[in-house]
């Protein structure tokens, strides 16, 4: 019992099949592209954060070194060094 199909069905059926196949391919390509973009963005953010932390650490080190250098010339510090160098530097029990 074959049903006679008109010309409209013969044109629309392949178009629907092609549209479904094209939609599936487009979905796969779009999902893959979005996944890659998200991965690249996350890598970039992590890299930027690591660089930011490194820059902040270097700035903090410089600031602390500047402050330490300021106090290293204080008379109390110089006196403490003078007392320390009077003893035996290789023996930690030597006052």
C-alpha atoms as a PDB file:
ATOM      1  CA  UNK A   1       0.000   0.000   0.000  1.00  0.00           C
ATOM      2  CA  UNK A   2       2.075   2.801  -1.247  1.00  0.00           C
ATOM      3  CA  UNK A   3       0.766   6.229  -0.723  1.00  0.00           C
ATOM      4  CA  UNK A   4       1.242   8.570  -3.546  1.00  0.00           C
ATOM      5  CA  UNK A   5       3.294  11.501  -2.444  1.00  0.00           C
ATOM      6  CA  UNK A   6       3.161  14.789  -4.166  1.00  0.00           C
ATOM      7  CA  UNK A   7       5.981  16.973  -5.397  1.00  0.00           C
ATOM      8  CA  UNK A   8       5.839  19.082  -2.225  1.00  0.00           C
ATOM      9  CA  UNK A   9       6.857  16.137  -0.039  1.00  0.00           C
ATOM     10  CA  UNK A  10       9.715  15.254  -2.387  1.00  0.00           C
ATOM     11  CA  UNK A  11      11.113  18.758  -2.040  1.00  0.00           C
ATOM     12  CA  UNK A  12      10.456  19.314   1.657  1.00  0.00           C
ATOM     13  CA  UNK A  13      11.662  15.916   2.961  1.00  0.00           C
ATOM     14  CA  UNK A  14      15.301  16.277   1.752  1.00  0.00           C
ATOM     15  CA  UNK A  15      15.316  19.905   2.874  1.00  0.00           C
ATOM     16  CA  UNK A  16      14.216  18.855   6.375  1.00  0.00           C
ATOM     17  CA  UNK A  17      16.839  16.089   6.508  1.00  0.00           C
ATOM     18  CA  UNK A  18      19.565  18.476   5.324  1.00  0.00           C
ATOM     19  CA  UNK A  19      18.421  21.082   7.840  1.00  0.00           C
ATOM     20  CA  UNK A  20      18.577  18.538  10.682  1.00  0.00           C
ATOM     21  CA  UNK A  21      22.048  17.357   9.636  1.00  0.00           C
ATOM     22  CA  UNK A  22      23.252  20.934   9.250  1.00  0.00           C
ATOM     23  CA  UNK A  23      21.834  21.792  12.689  1.00  0.00           C
ATOM     24  CA  UNK A  24      23.647  18.856  14.296  1.00  0.00           C
ATOM     25  CA  UNK A  25      26.954  19.784  12.642  1.00  0.00           C
ATOM     26  CA  UNK A  26      26.503  23.429  13.578  1.00  0.00           C
ATOM     27  CA  UNK A  27      25.698  22.466  17.188  1.00  0.00           C
ATOM     28  CA  UNK A  28      28.869  20.349  17.421  1.00  0.00           C
ATOM     29  CA  UNK A  29      31.067  23.059  15.884  1.00  0.00           C
ATOM     30  CA  UNK A  30      29.558  25.787  18.075  1.00  0.00           C
ATOM     31  CA  UNK A  31      29.885  23.700  21.249  1.00  0.00           C
ATOM     32  CA  UNK A  32      33.519  22.905  20.425  1.00  0.00           C
ATOM     33  CA  UNK A  33      34.309  26.546  19.621  1.00  0.00           C
ATOM     34  CA  UNK A  34      32.657  27.858  22.786  1.00  0.00           C
ATOM     35  CA  UNK A  35      34.467  25.242  24.860  1.00  0.00           C
ATOM     36  CA  UNK A  36      37.809  26.285  23.351  1.00  0.00           C
ATOM     37  CA  UNK A  37      37.061  29.972  23.944  1.00  0.00           C
ATOM     38  CA  UNK A  38      36.170  29.333  27.588  1.00  0.00           C
ATOM     39  CA  UNK A  39      39.332  27.285  28.069  1.00  0.00           C
ATOM     40  CA  UNK A  40      41.524  29.994  26.488  1.00  0.00           C
ATOM     41  CA  UNK A  41      39.872  32.708  28.587  1.00  0.00           C
ATOM     42  CA  UNK A  42      40.429  30.750  31.791  1.00  0.00           C
ATOM     43  CA  UNK A  43      44.085  30.172  30.880  1.00  0.00           C
ATOM     44  CA  UNK A  44      44.523  33.878  30.156  1.00  0.00           C
ATOM     45  CA  UNK A  45      42.931  34.871  33.457  1.00  0.00           C
ATOM     46  CA  UNK A  46      45.105  32.445  35.425  1.00  0.00           C
ATOM     47  CA  UNK A  47      48.230  33.698  33.626  1.00  0.00           C
ATOM     48  CA  UNK A  48      47.249  37.328  34.304  1.00  0.00           C
ATOM     49  CA  UNK A  49      46.560  36.554  37.977  1.00  0.00           C
ATOM     50  CA  UNK A  50      49.941  34.841  38.378  1.00  0.00           C
ATOM     51  CA  UNK A  51      51.669  37.844  36.804  1.00  0.00           C
ATOM     52  CA  UNK A  52      49.704  40.228  39.020  1.00  0.00           C
ATOM     53  CA  UNK A  53      50.666  38.316  42.155  1.00  0.00           C
ATOM     54  CA  UNK A  54      54.298  38.246  41.049  1.00  0.00           C
ATOM     55  CA  UNK A  55      54.311  42.018  40.416  1.00  0.00           C
ATOM     56  CA  UNK A  56      52.658  42.688  43.782  1.00  0.00           C
ATOM     57  CA  UNK A  57      55.183  40.459  45.533  1.00  0.00           C
ATOM     58  CA  UNK A  58      58.111  42.288  43.915  1.00  0.00           C
ATOM     59  CA  UNK A  59      56.612  45.659  44.849  1.00  0.00           C
ATOM     60  CA  UNK A  60      56.071  44.525  48.436  1.00  0.00           C
ATOM     61  CA  UNK A  61      59.623  43.164  48.641  1.00  0.00           C
ATOM     62  CA  UNK A  62      61.017  46.465  47.393  1.00  0.00           C
ATOM     63  CA  UNK A  63      58.930  48.478  49.861  1.00  0.00           C
ATOM     64  CA  UNK A  64      59.959  46.283  52.774  1.00  0.00           C
ATOM     65  CA  UNK A  65      63.614  46.425  51.741  1.00  0.00           C
ATOM     66  CA  UNK A  66      63.422  50.213  51.561  1.00  0.00           C
ATOM     67  CA  UNK A  67      61.941  50.342  55.056  1.00  0.00           C
ATOM     68  CA  UNK A  68      64.556  47.930  56.394  1.00  0.00           C
ATOM     69  CA  UNK A  69      67.318  50.023  54.842  1.00  0.00           C
ATOM     70  CA  UNK A  70      65.895  53.086  56.569  1.00  0.00           C
ATOM     71  CA  UNK A  71      66.107  51.455  59.988  1.00  0.00           C
ATOM     72  CA  UNK A  72      69.482  49.794  59.372  1.00  0.00           C
ATOM     73  CA  UNK A  73      71.190  53.159  59.810  1.00  0.00           C
ATOM     74  CA  UNK A  74      69.547  53.848  63.172  1.00  0.00           C
ATOM     75  CA  UNK A  75      72.025  54.149  66.018  1.00  0.00           C
ATOM     76  CA  UNK A  76      70.315  51.417  68.043  1.00  0.00           C
ATOM     77  CA  UNK A  77      70.702  48.983  65.161  1.00  0.00           C
ATOM     78  CA  UNK A  78      74.338  49.906  64.627  1.00  0.00           C
ATOM     79  CA  UNK A  79      75.006  49.423  68.356  1.00  0.00           C
ATOM     80  CA  UNK A  80      73.338  46.001  68.255  1.00  0.00           C
ATOM     81  CA  UNK A  81      75.530  44.964  65.326  1.00  0.00           C
ATOM     82  CA  UNK A  82      78.613  46.170  67.113  1.00  0.00           C
ATOM     83  CA  UNK A  83      77.722  44.057  70.158  1.00  0.00           C
ATOM     84  CA  UNK A  84      76.954  41.053  67.953  1.00  0.00           C
ATOM     85  CA  UNK A  85      80.278  41.258  66.130  1.00  0.00           C
ATOM     86  CA  UNK A  86      82.178  41.309  69.442  1.00  0.00           C
ATOM     87  CA  UNK A  87      81.260  37.666  70.056  1.00  0.00           C
ATOM     88  CA  UNK A  88      81.887  34.460  68.127  1.00  0.00           C
ATOM     89  CA  UNK A  89      79.615  34.574  65.054  1.00  0.00           C
ATOM     90  CA  UNK A  90      79.968  30.835  64.441  1.00  0.00           C
ATOM     91  CA  UNK A  91      78.626  29.915  67.898  1.00  0.00           C
ATOM     92  CA  UNK A  92      74.951  30.671  68.469  1.00  0.00           C
ATOM     93  CA  UNK A  93      75.285  30.169  72.229  1.00  0.00           C
ATOM     94  CA  UNK A  94      77.887  32.953  72.490  1.00  0.00           C
ATOM     95  CA  UNK A  95      76.217  36.146  73.750  1.00  0.00           C
END
